[in-house]
């Protein structure tokens, strides 16, 4: 026997949305600057030293897990355009798209209850 879900508030939606905004604003400037500055290539800078390499590998692993979660959860919930979050991650930032997906997921879950 399934236990009924408790009524979901919209608090998590707004928290995820705020995190998405911070992720977009906090990365956009540096992404643009990284592509426009005359220096090493953008991707070679990801592995410039041990500390940055660790952060880059961490981001790549989390982005991979988040992409898989977005695809599986988007399909499971019947969300429209779920795959667009994965594609947008390559253009913007996972910090933005994953948090935005989680906000939209909260909205979908609230609507289905």
C-alpha atoms as a PDB file:
ATOM      1  CA  UNK A   1       0.000   0.000   0.000  1.00  0.00           C
ATOM      2  CA  UNK A   2       1.401   3.358  -0.998  1.00  0.00           C
ATOM      3  CA  UNK A   3       1.598   6.083   1.550  1.00  0.00           C
ATOM      4  CA  UNK A   4       0.146   9.360   0.346  1.00  0.00           C
ATOM      5  CA  UNK A   5       2.628  12.127  -0.373  1.00  0.00           C
ATOM      6  CA  UNK A   6       2.406  15.131   1.826  1.00  0.00           C
ATOM      7  CA  UNK A   7       1.498  18.389   0.181  1.00  0.00           C
ATOM      8  CA  UNK A   8       4.629  19.919  -1.369  1.00  0.00           C
ATOM      9  CA  UNK A   9       5.233  23.557  -0.628  1.00  0.00           C
ATOM     10  CA  UNK A  10       6.910  25.747  -3.177  1.00  0.00           C
ATOM     11  CA  UNK A  11       9.911  26.562  -0.952  1.00  0.00           C
ATOM     12  CA  UNK A  12      12.250  24.126  -2.705  1.00  0.00           C
ATOM     13  CA  UNK A  13      11.208  25.532  -6.088  1.00  0.00           C
ATOM     14  CA  UNK A  14      12.303  29.035  -5.095  1.00  0.00           C
ATOM     15  CA  UNK A  15      15.524  27.834  -3.479  1.00  0.00           C
ATOM     16  CA  UNK A  16      16.484  25.898  -6.622  1.00  0.00           C
ATOM     17  CA  UNK A  17      15.530  28.865  -8.792  1.00  0.00           C
ATOM     18  CA  UNK A  18      17.727  31.189  -6.700  1.00  0.00           C
ATOM     19  CA  UNK A  19      20.630  28.726  -6.958  1.00  0.00           C
ATOM     20  CA  UNK A  20      20.109  28.563 -10.729  1.00  0.00           C
ATOM     21  CA  UNK A  21      20.271  32.368 -10.968  1.00  0.00           C
ATOM     22  CA  UNK A  22      23.466  32.436  -8.898  1.00  0.00           C
ATOM     23  CA  UNK A  23      24.895  29.655 -11.071  1.00  0.00           C
ATOM     24  CA  UNK A  24      24.106  31.563 -14.258  1.00  0.00           C
ATOM     25  CA  UNK A  25      25.339  34.957 -13.100  1.00  0.00           C
ATOM     26  CA  UNK A  26      28.355  33.537 -11.280  1.00  0.00           C
ATOM     27  CA  UNK A  27      29.640  31.626 -14.293  1.00  0.00           C
ATOM     28  CA  UNK A  28      28.533  33.652 -17.326  1.00  0.00           C
ATOM     29  CA  UNK A  29      31.038  36.468 -16.848  1.00  0.00           C
ATOM     30  CA  UNK A  30      33.970  34.093 -16.452  1.00  0.00           C
ATOM     31  CA  UNK A  31      32.860  31.872 -19.346  1.00  0.00           C
ATOM     32  CA  UNK A  32      32.702  34.870 -21.657  1.00  0.00           C
ATOM     33  CA  UNK A  33      35.994  36.206 -20.331  1.00  0.00           C
ATOM     34  CA  UNK A  34      37.633  32.785 -20.779  1.00  0.00           C
ATOM     35  CA  UNK A  35      36.649  32.642 -24.438  1.00  0.00           C
ATOM     36  CA  UNK A  36      37.526  36.247 -25.277  1.00  0.00           C
ATOM     37  CA  UNK A  37      40.845  36.743 -23.464  1.00  0.00           C
ATOM     38  CA  UNK A  38      43.975  36.208 -25.530  1.00  0.00           C
ATOM     39  CA  UNK A  39      45.581  33.428 -23.486  1.00  0.00           C
ATOM     40  CA  UNK A  40      45.712  29.649 -23.325  1.00  0.00           C
ATOM     41  CA  UNK A  41      42.745  27.877 -24.800  1.00  0.00           C
ATOM     42  CA  UNK A  42      39.652  27.562 -22.652  1.00  0.00           C
ATOM     43  CA  UNK A  43      39.920  23.788 -22.318  1.00  0.00           C
ATOM     44  CA  UNK A  44      43.660  23.682 -21.611  1.00  0.00           C
ATOM     45  CA  UNK A  45      43.042  26.034 -18.670  1.00  0.00           C
ATOM     46  CA  UNK A  46      40.845  23.311 -17.124  1.00  0.00           C
ATOM     47  CA  UNK A  47      43.985  21.281 -16.454  1.00  0.00           C
ATOM     48  CA  UNK A  48      46.498  24.066 -15.729  1.00  0.00           C
ATOM     49  CA  UNK A  49      47.553  22.701 -12.316  1.00  0.00           C
ATOM     50  CA  UNK A  50      46.610  20.004  -9.800  1.00  0.00           C
ATOM     51  CA  UNK A  51      43.982  22.064  -7.974  1.00  0.00           C
ATOM     52  CA  UNK A  52      42.198  23.119 -11.161  1.00  0.00           C
ATOM     53  CA  UNK A  53      42.453  19.598 -12.589  1.00  0.00           C
ATOM     54  CA  UNK A  54      40.762  18.233  -9.454  1.00  0.00           C
ATOM     55  CA  UNK A  55      37.943  20.775  -9.765  1.00  0.00           C
ATOM     56  CA  UNK A  56      37.570  20.084 -13.489  1.00  0.00           C
ATOM     57  CA  UNK A  57      37.308  16.324 -12.997  1.00  0.00           C
ATOM     58  CA  UNK A  58      34.856  16.916 -10.131  1.00  0.00           C
ATOM     59  CA  UNK A  59      32.702  19.091 -12.402  1.00  0.00           C
ATOM     60  CA  UNK A  60      32.825  16.589 -15.276  1.00  0.00           C
ATOM     61  CA  UNK A  61      31.758  13.707 -13.015  1.00  0.00           C
ATOM     62  CA  UNK A  62      28.943  15.704 -11.388  1.00  0.00           C
ATOM     63  CA  UNK A  63      27.809  16.992 -14.800  1.00  0.00           C
ATOM     64  CA  UNK A  64      27.700  13.412 -16.113  1.00  0.00           C
ATOM     65  CA  UNK A  65      25.662  12.197 -13.124  1.00  0.00           C
ATOM     66  CA  UNK A  66      23.352  15.228 -13.357  1.00  0.00           C
ATOM     67  CA  UNK A  67      22.812  14.637 -17.087  1.00  0.00           C
ATOM     68  CA  UNK A  68      21.855  11.013 -16.496  1.00  0.00           C
ATOM     69  CA  UNK A  69      19.521  12.048 -13.655  1.00  0.00           C
ATOM     70  CA  UNK A  70      17.906  14.756 -15.798  1.00  0.00           C
ATOM     71  CA  UNK A  71      17.253  12.332 -18.650  1.00  0.00           C
ATOM     72  CA  UNK A  72      15.898   9.515 -16.472  1.00  0.00           C
ATOM     73  CA  UNK A  73      13.850  11.737 -14.165  1.00  0.00           C
ATOM     74  CA  UNK A  74      12.569  13.900 -17.008  1.00  0.00           C
ATOM     75  CA  UNK A  75      11.312  10.813 -18.818  1.00  0.00           C
ATOM     76  CA  UNK A  76       9.856   9.289 -15.653  1.00  0.00           C
ATOM     77  CA  UNK A  77       7.887  12.421 -14.833  1.00  0.00           C
ATOM     78  CA  UNK A  78       6.884  13.129 -18.426  1.00  0.00           C
ATOM     79  CA  UNK A  79       8.546  16.518 -18.412  1.00  0.00           C
ATOM     80  CA  UNK A  80       8.689  18.333 -21.724  1.00  0.00           C
ATOM     81  CA  UNK A  81      12.045  19.445 -23.158  1.00  0.00           C
ATOM     82  CA  UNK A  82      14.038  17.723 -20.367  1.00  0.00           C
ATOM     83  CA  UNK A  83      16.906  17.034 -22.787  1.00  0.00           C
ATOM     84  CA  UNK A  84      17.325  20.749 -23.361  1.00  0.00           C
ATOM     85  CA  UNK A  85      18.778  21.128 -19.846  1.00  0.00           C
ATOM     86  CA  UNK A  86      21.619  18.747 -20.782  1.00  0.00           C
ATOM     87  CA  UNK A  87      22.364  20.592 -24.023  1.00  0.00           C
ATOM     88  CA  UNK A  88      22.193  23.981 -22.302  1.00  0.00           C
ATOM     89  CA  UNK A  89      24.808  22.770 -19.802  1.00  0.00           C
ATOM     90  CA  UNK A  90      27.412  22.857 -22.566  1.00  0.00           C
ATOM     91  CA  UNK A  91      26.546  26.454 -23.459  1.00  0.00           C
ATOM     92  CA  UNK A  92      25.901  27.954 -20.019  1.00  0.00           C
ATOM     93  CA  UNK A  93      26.850  26.021 -16.874  1.00  0.00           C
ATOM     94  CA  UNK A  94      25.756  22.909 -15.007  1.00  0.00           C
ATOM     95  CA  UNK A  95      25.449  25.140 -11.930  1.00  0.00           C
ATOM     96  CA  UNK A  96      22.605  26.872 -13.750  1.00  0.00           C
ATOM     97  CA  UNK A  97      20.912  24.103 -15.718  1.00  0.00           C
ATOM     98  CA  UNK A  98      20.861  21.412 -13.039  1.00  0.00           C
ATOM     99  CA  UNK A  99      19.402  23.755 -10.424  1.00  0.00           C
ATOM    100  CA  UNK A 100      16.863  25.000 -12.984  1.00  0.00           C
ATOM    101  CA  UNK A 101      15.897  21.405 -13.788  1.00  0.00           C
ATOM    102  CA  UNK A 102      15.428  20.694 -10.071  1.00  0.00           C
ATOM    103  CA  UNK A 103      13.171  23.767  -9.784  1.00  0.00           C
ATOM    104  CA  UNK A 104      11.063  22.648 -12.743  1.00  0.00           C
ATOM    105  CA  UNK A 105      10.985  19.119 -11.315  1.00  0.00           C
ATOM    106  CA  UNK A 106       9.567  20.514  -8.059  1.00  0.00           C
ATOM    107  CA  UNK A 107       6.928  22.366 -10.043  1.00  0.00           C
ATOM    108  CA  UNK A 108       6.023  19.168 -11.960  1.00  0.00           C
ATOM    109  CA  UNK A 109       5.831  17.118  -8.753  1.00  0.00           C
ATOM    110  CA  UNK A 110       3.615  19.727  -7.117  1.00  0.00           C
ATOM    111  CA  UNK A 111       1.320  19.750 -10.162  1.00  0.00           C
ATOM    112  CA  UNK A 112       0.918  15.964 -10.161  1.00  0.00           C
ATOM    113  CA  UNK A 113      -0.117  15.769  -6.514  1.00  0.00           C
END
